[in-house]
Protein backbone atom coordinates (compact mmCIF):
# COMPACT_ATOMS: atom_id res chain seq x y z
CA MET A 1 -12.87 23.26 -22.17
CA THR A 2 -14.92 20.68 -20.24
CA LEU A 3 -12.91 17.94 -18.61
CA LYS A 4 -13.57 14.45 -19.93
CA ILE A 5 -13.24 11.27 -17.83
CA VAL A 6 -13.32 7.69 -19.11
CA ALA A 7 -14.80 5.13 -16.72
CA TYR A 8 -13.71 1.64 -17.77
CA LYS A 9 -15.36 -0.28 -14.94
CA ALA A 10 -18.95 -0.21 -13.73
CA LEU A 11 -19.35 2.35 -10.95
CA PRO A 12 -22.09 2.83 -8.34
CA SER A 13 -24.66 5.39 -9.44
CA ASP A 14 -23.80 7.86 -6.69
CA VAL A 15 -20.10 7.70 -7.62
CA LEU A 16 -20.95 8.35 -11.28
CA ASP A 17 -23.11 11.29 -10.19
CA TYR A 18 -20.18 12.67 -8.19
CA LEU A 19 -17.85 12.44 -11.19
CA ARG A 20 -20.45 14.08 -13.45
CA GLU A 21 -20.49 17.07 -11.13
CA HIS A 22 -16.90 17.70 -12.16
CA ALA A 23 -16.54 16.43 -15.72
CA GLU A 24 -18.15 14.78 -18.71
CA VAL A 25 -18.01 11.02 -18.11
CA VAL A 26 -17.73 8.46 -20.89
CA VAL A 27 -18.65 5.02 -19.62
CA LEU A 28 -17.07 2.02 -21.34
CA ASP A 29 -18.98 -1.19 -20.76
CA SER A 30 -19.24 -4.62 -22.33
CA ALA A 31 -20.91 -3.05 -25.37
CA ALA A 32 -17.83 -0.90 -25.94
CA GLY A 33 -15.68 -3.99 -25.73
CA ARG A 34 -17.91 -5.84 -28.20
CA ALA A 35 -17.66 -2.94 -30.64
CA HIS A 36 -13.95 -3.65 -30.77
CA GLU A 37 -14.10 -7.43 -30.50
CA GLY A 38 -12.82 -7.82 -34.04
CA LEU A 39 -9.68 -5.99 -32.94
CA ALA A 40 -7.07 -7.28 -30.50
CA GLY A 41 -7.92 -6.52 -26.92
CA GLY A 42 -11.69 -5.89 -26.87
CA LEU A 43 -12.21 -3.51 -23.94
CA SER A 44 -8.51 -2.66 -23.95
CA GLU A 45 -8.80 -1.48 -27.54
CA ALA A 46 -11.89 0.56 -26.73
CA LEU A 47 -10.13 2.10 -23.74
CA GLY A 48 -7.09 3.00 -25.80
CA ALA A 49 -9.30 4.80 -28.29
CA ALA A 50 -11.25 6.64 -25.59
CA LEU A 51 -8.11 7.79 -23.78
CA ARG A 52 -7.04 9.84 -26.79
CA GLU A 53 -9.72 12.41 -25.94
CA ALA A 54 -9.69 12.07 -22.15
CA ASP A 55 -8.23 14.14 -19.33
CA GLY A 56 -8.65 11.35 -16.79
CA ALA A 57 -9.63 7.71 -16.43
CA ILE A 58 -11.00 5.51 -13.66
CA GLY A 59 -11.37 1.73 -13.56
CA ALA A 60 -9.71 -1.57 -12.76
CA SER A 61 -8.78 -5.01 -14.08
CA VAL A 62 -7.48 -3.83 -17.46
CA LYS A 63 -3.78 -3.70 -18.28
CA VAL A 64 -3.00 -0.17 -19.45
CA THR A 65 0.12 -0.28 -21.61
CA PRO A 66 2.30 2.59 -22.86
CA ALA A 67 1.02 1.93 -26.39
CA MET A 68 -2.55 2.54 -25.24
CA ILE A 69 -1.73 6.07 -24.10
CA ASP A 70 0.64 7.10 -26.88
CA GLY A 71 -2.02 9.33 -28.42
CA ALA A 72 -3.53 10.48 -25.12
CA THR A 73 -2.03 13.96 -25.13
CA ARG A 74 -4.66 15.40 -22.76
CA LEU A 75 -4.40 12.63 -20.18
CA LYS A 76 -3.36 13.98 -16.78
CA ALA A 77 -4.43 11.25 -14.33
CA ILE A 78 -5.57 7.65 -14.03
CA SER A 79 -7.28 6.39 -10.89
CA THR A 80 -7.31 2.64 -10.37
CA ILE A 81 -9.94 1.07 -8.12
CA SER A 82 -7.38 -1.16 -6.45
CA VAL A 83 -4.40 -1.03 -4.16
CA GLY A 84 -2.23 -2.97 -6.63
CA VAL A 85 -0.74 -1.07 -9.57
CA ASP A 86 0.80 -3.93 -11.55
CA ASN A 87 -1.50 -3.20 -14.51
CA PHE A 88 0.50 -0.04 -15.22
CA ASP A 89 4.02 0.95 -16.25
CA LEU A 90 4.77 3.41 -13.46
CA ASP A 91 8.00 4.68 -14.98
CA ASP A 92 6.28 5.39 -18.28
CA LEU A 93 3.41 7.24 -16.62
CA THR A 94 5.85 9.32 -14.59
CA ARG A 95 7.85 10.24 -17.69
CA ARG A 96 4.63 11.43 -19.33
CA GLY A 97 3.64 13.42 -16.23
CA ILE A 98 0.52 11.31 -15.65
CA VAL A 99 -0.57 10.78 -12.05
CA LEU A 100 -1.55 7.23 -11.07
CA ALA A 101 -3.81 7.15 -8.02
CA HIS A 102 -4.85 4.00 -6.16
CA THR A 103 -6.97 2.99 -3.17
CA PRO A 104 -4.89 1.71 -0.26
CA ASP A 105 -6.30 1.53 3.27
CA VAL A 106 -10.03 1.31 2.40
CA LEU A 107 -9.73 -2.40 1.58
CA THR A 108 -7.38 -3.34 4.41
CA GLU A 109 -9.85 -4.92 6.81
CA SER A 110 -11.99 -6.80 4.29
CA THR A 111 -8.90 -8.23 2.60
CA ALA A 112 -7.40 -9.28 5.92
CA ASP A 113 -10.73 -11.00 6.70
CA THR A 114 -10.41 -12.97 3.45
CA VAL A 115 -6.84 -14.00 4.24
CA PHE A 116 -7.73 -15.22 7.69
CA ALA A 117 -10.79 -16.98 6.32
CA LEU A 118 -8.40 -18.94 4.09
CA VAL A 119 -6.27 -19.79 7.12
CA LEU A 120 -9.27 -21.16 9.01
CA THR A 121 -10.83 -22.85 6.00
CA THR A 122 -7.67 -24.72 5.04
CA ALA A 123 -6.86 -25.68 8.63
CA ARG A 124 -10.31 -27.08 9.35
CA ARG A 125 -10.88 -28.42 5.80
CA VAL A 126 -14.15 -26.50 5.62
CA VAL A 127 -14.70 -26.64 1.85
CA GLU A 128 -13.68 -30.27 1.51
CA LEU A 129 -15.86 -31.45 4.40
CA ALA A 130 -18.84 -29.32 3.38
CA GLN A 131 -18.72 -31.05 -0.01
CA TRP A 132 -18.32 -34.41 1.76
CA VAL A 133 -21.53 -33.76 3.72
CA LYS A 134 -23.44 -32.64 0.64
CA ALA A 135 -22.31 -35.78 -1.16
CA GLY A 136 -24.00 -37.88 1.53
CA GLN A 137 -20.76 -39.22 2.99
CA TRP A 138 -21.56 -38.26 6.60
CA ARG A 139 -23.05 -41.47 7.94
CA GLY A 140 -21.80 -41.51 11.51
CA SER A 141 -19.32 -39.96 13.90
CA ILE A 142 -16.33 -38.50 12.13
CA GLY A 143 -12.86 -39.95 12.63
CA PRO A 144 -9.23 -38.97 12.03
CA ASP A 145 -9.77 -38.96 8.26
CA GLN A 146 -11.88 -35.84 8.73
CA TYR A 147 -9.77 -34.08 11.37
CA GLY A 148 -8.17 -30.72 10.69
CA VAL A 149 -5.47 -28.88 12.62
CA ASP A 150 -5.57 -26.13 15.23
CA VAL A 151 -4.98 -22.51 14.31
CA HIS A 152 -4.89 -21.16 17.85
CA GLY A 153 -1.32 -20.98 19.15
CA LYS A 154 0.36 -21.80 15.83
CA THR A 155 2.98 -19.74 13.99
CA ILE A 156 1.95 -17.48 11.13
CA GLY A 157 4.55 -16.12 8.72
CA ILE A 158 3.55 -12.96 6.87
CA VAL A 159 5.57 -12.00 3.80
CA GLY A 160 5.01 -8.26 3.57
CA LEU A 161 3.84 -6.50 6.73
CA GLY A 162 2.18 -3.43 5.27
CA CYS A 163 -1.38 -2.33 6.03
CA ILE A 164 -3.04 -5.65 5.14
CA GLY A 165 -0.24 -7.70 6.64
CA GLY A 166 -0.51 -5.67 9.85
CA ALA A 167 -4.27 -6.21 10.01
CA LEU A 168 -3.66 -9.93 9.51
CA ALA A 169 -1.07 -9.93 12.31
CA ARG A 170 -3.62 -8.29 14.62
CA ARG A 171 -6.18 -11.00 13.93
CA ALA A 172 -3.63 -13.74 14.38
CA ALA A 173 -1.95 -12.48 17.55
CA LEU A 174 -4.88 -10.97 19.43
CA GLY A 175 -7.63 -13.26 18.21
CA PHE A 176 -5.82 -16.61 18.04
CA SER A 177 -2.69 -16.18 20.21
CA MET A 178 -0.51 -16.97 17.22
CA ARG A 179 3.21 -16.32 17.06
CA VAL A 180 3.84 -13.80 14.27
CA LEU A 181 6.94 -13.87 12.07
CA TYR A 182 7.32 -11.46 9.18
CA THR A 183 9.58 -10.32 6.38
CA ASN A 184 9.50 -6.75 5.15
CA ARG A 185 11.82 -4.26 3.52
CA HIS A 186 11.67 -2.19 6.72
CA PRO A 187 10.92 -3.10 10.33
CA ASN A 188 7.31 -2.68 11.42
CA GLU A 189 7.93 -1.49 14.94
CA ALA A 190 4.24 -0.88 15.66
CA ALA A 191 3.41 -4.52 14.90
CA GLU A 192 6.37 -5.68 16.94
CA ARG A 193 5.15 -3.73 19.96
CA ALA A 194 1.44 -4.51 19.60
CA TYR A 195 1.51 -8.12 18.40
CA GLY A 196 4.96 -9.43 19.33
CA ALA A 197 5.79 -9.76 15.64
CA ARG A 198 9.40 -10.74 14.90
CA ARG A 199 11.18 -9.77 11.69
CA VAL A 200 13.19 -12.63 10.17
CA GLU A 201 14.71 -13.59 6.85
CA LEU A 202 12.46 -15.42 4.39
CA ASP A 203 14.24 -18.76 4.86
CA GLU A 204 13.62 -18.71 8.60
CA LEU A 205 10.00 -17.66 8.15
CA LEU A 206 9.38 -20.54 5.73
CA ALA A 207 11.05 -23.09 8.00
CA GLN A 208 9.17 -22.11 11.16
CA SER A 209 5.68 -21.11 10.01
CA ASP A 210 2.60 -23.29 10.08
CA PHE A 211 0.81 -20.83 7.79
CA VAL A 212 2.76 -18.77 5.26
CA CYS A 213 0.72 -15.78 4.08
CA LEU A 214 1.85 -13.70 1.12
CA GLN A 215 0.96 -10.00 1.37
CA THR A 216 3.57 -8.42 -0.84
CA PRO A 217 2.97 -6.43 -4.04
CA LEU A 218 3.90 -7.88 -7.41
CA THR A 219 7.16 -6.41 -8.66
CA PRO A 220 9.98 -7.79 -10.81
CA GLN A 221 11.69 -8.73 -7.55
CA THR A 222 8.69 -10.61 -6.09
CA ARG A 223 7.59 -12.46 -9.24
CA HIS A 224 7.96 -16.19 -8.45
CA LEU A 225 9.30 -15.27 -5.02
CA ILE A 226 7.88 -18.61 -3.90
CA GLY A 227 9.17 -21.43 -6.08
CA ALA A 228 10.21 -25.04 -5.68
CA ALA A 229 13.13 -24.27 -3.35
CA GLN A 230 11.00 -22.10 -1.06
CA LEU A 231 8.23 -24.69 -0.93
CA ARG A 232 10.75 -27.35 0.04
CA ALA A 233 11.92 -25.07 2.85
CA MET A 234 8.45 -25.08 4.41
CA LYS A 235 7.20 -27.64 6.92
CA ARG A 236 5.46 -30.61 5.35
CA SER A 237 2.52 -29.76 7.62
CA ALA A 238 2.43 -26.11 6.53
CA VAL A 239 -0.16 -24.30 4.43
CA LEU A 240 0.56 -21.57 1.87
CA ILE A 241 -1.94 -18.71 1.67
CA ASN A 242 -1.83 -16.31 -1.28
CA ALA A 243 -4.30 -13.43 -1.49
CA SER A 244 -1.90 -10.86 -2.92
CA ARG A 245 -0.97 -11.51 -6.56
CA GLY A 246 -0.86 -14.85 -8.37
CA PRO A 247 2.55 -14.54 -10.08
CA ILE A 248 4.30 -14.19 -6.72
CA VAL A 249 4.04 -17.99 -6.65
CA ASP A 250 5.42 -20.32 -9.29
CA GLU A 251 2.13 -22.13 -9.85
CA ALA A 252 3.65 -25.19 -11.52
CA ALA A 253 6.01 -25.62 -8.58
CA LEU A 254 3.10 -25.22 -6.15
CA ILE A 255 1.05 -27.88 -7.95
CA ALA A 256 3.97 -30.29 -7.75
CA ALA A 257 4.54 -29.53 -4.06
CA LEU A 258 0.86 -30.10 -3.22
CA ALA A 259 0.76 -33.31 -5.23
CA ASP A 260 3.81 -34.90 -3.62
CA GLY A 261 3.15 -33.73 -0.06
CA THR A 262 5.98 -31.20 0.14
CA ILE A 263 3.43 -28.95 1.88
CA ALA A 264 0.06 -29.85 3.35
CA GLY A 265 -2.21 -27.46 1.52
CA ALA A 266 -2.90 -24.08 0.00
CA GLY A 267 -5.53 -21.37 0.27
CA LEU A 268 -5.55 -19.29 -2.91
CA ASP A 269 -7.50 -16.19 -3.87
CA VAL A 270 -5.21 -15.30 -6.78
CA PHE A 271 -3.57 -17.20 -9.63
CA GLU A 272 -0.98 -16.70 -12.34
CA ARG A 273 -3.77 -16.55 -14.93
CA GLU A 274 -7.27 -15.43 -14.02
CA PRO A 275 -9.91 -16.74 -14.26
CA LEU A 276 -8.36 -20.07 -13.29
CA ALA A 277 -8.51 -22.54 -16.18
CA LEU A 278 -11.09 -25.30 -15.75
CA ASP A 279 -8.43 -27.93 -16.38
CA SER A 280 -6.08 -26.60 -13.69
CA PRO A 281 -4.85 -29.44 -11.43
CA LEU A 282 -5.51 -27.15 -8.46
CA LEU A 283 -9.26 -27.65 -8.89
CA ALA A 284 -8.95 -31.40 -8.42
CA MET A 285 -6.89 -31.20 -5.23
CA ARG A 286 -8.66 -31.83 -1.95
CA ASN A 287 -5.98 -29.88 -0.06
CA VAL A 288 -6.60 -26.64 -2.01
CA VAL A 289 -9.16 -23.93 -1.33
CA ALA A 290 -9.55 -21.79 -4.46
CA LEU A 291 -11.47 -18.50 -4.46
CA PRO A 292 -12.25 -16.16 -7.40
CA HIS A 293 -10.09 -13.19 -6.31
CA ILE A 294 -12.55 -11.94 -3.70
CA GLY A 295 -10.06 -10.26 -1.34
CA SER A 296 -11.90 -6.94 -1.04
CA ALA A 297 -15.20 -8.09 -2.53
CA THR A 298 -17.78 -6.89 -0.07
CA HIS A 299 -20.54 -4.43 -0.93
CA GLU A 300 -19.24 -1.94 1.60
CA THR A 301 -15.58 -2.10 0.63
CA ARG A 302 -16.05 -2.07 -3.14
CA HIS A 303 -18.28 1.00 -2.81
CA ALA A 304 -15.71 2.71 -0.61
CA MET A 305 -12.95 1.87 -3.11
CA ALA A 306 -14.94 3.33 -6.02
CA ARG A 307 -15.70 6.50 -4.07
CA CYS A 308 -12.06 6.85 -3.00
CA ALA A 309 -10.88 6.37 -6.59
CA ALA A 310 -13.34 8.99 -7.85
CA GLU A 311 -12.24 11.50 -5.23
CA ASN A 312 -8.61 10.76 -6.06
CA LEU A 313 -9.25 11.45 -9.76
CA VAL A 314 -11.13 14.70 -9.21
CA ALA A 315 -8.39 15.97 -6.90
CA ALA A 316 -5.64 14.90 -9.32
CA LEU A 317 -7.27 16.69 -12.24
CA ALA A 318 -7.48 19.82 -10.09
CA GLY A 319 -3.80 19.49 -9.19
CA LYS A 320 -4.67 18.98 -5.52
CA LEU A 321 -4.04 15.27 -4.89
CA ASN A 322 -1.38 14.73 -2.25
CA ARG A 323 -2.16 11.19 -1.07
CA ASN A 324 -2.85 7.77 -2.60
CA VAL A 325 -0.40 8.51 -5.43
CA ALA A 326 1.44 5.42 -6.70
CA ASN A 327 4.06 7.50 -8.54
CA PRO A 328 4.61 10.49 -6.21
CA GLU A 329 7.66 11.57 -8.22
CA VAL A 330 5.28 12.99 -10.81
CA LEU A 331 4.04 15.57 -8.30
CA THR A 332 7.46 17.21 -8.09
CA ARG A 333 7.82 17.74 -11.83
């Protein structure tokens, strides 16, 4: 029987061609979502229906619930075009014997670029002052009201020193002579040797850092890891950078902290609800840089992620995938 793959995100033509060399590919697009728009979920509903006849699936940005795969008796593997796997119930997939593949590593450098761009942009008030110039406010030499703060030589605190956190530490230490503090479940000895990174408890990191950068995955333990108490523990001159997952930060607490000067600013690429609501107070704050979840969004990286995800899926369906598996326990069953 011919293998069938469901693609629930637009893929580059060469990646689709690669998948079609190995299986029949059913592409779900906005039209598929519209066909189900009278039902709850739109594209999610269409995906749930398509999975019932699929051996594999590839895509991103759709929450795949246990209910969606209840009737998917042929389903052997799902390949997400992302490093994060919070759109899936890993325990449920493992119980069903379904492999979940993801795409770590290929997005490391572009995401670290985005994080450090937020550090520089918030420190030097790039977005705010660019808008100030465009509004015709630049009428002479600038003064203290337009000054930013230095990045070079400051302290960066990285919450989660995995691949992306390590790449961020490299930029900070080697490029800007920054002192690197980090929290992590395990010591990162390579970063300690190469960048002078020092592992500390979260409270110490918050108290000492000029820039607090969140690079931890979203889990039940990290949801609202940064709330009112943690924001109060930061320097009043500090900036919070979040380019990992929105719910790691209690957004209401962050808004209050930015409004009352508990911290100096925030650079955000992710939010508790996306897209960010047009009436969000964050959009009216001069000390906030808000981006539309662009962490890995370069032409080169997104293509590499799609290709990696496709190769992961083909290997998983052949029973040969031994890397990039988010639930490796399933391989031992």
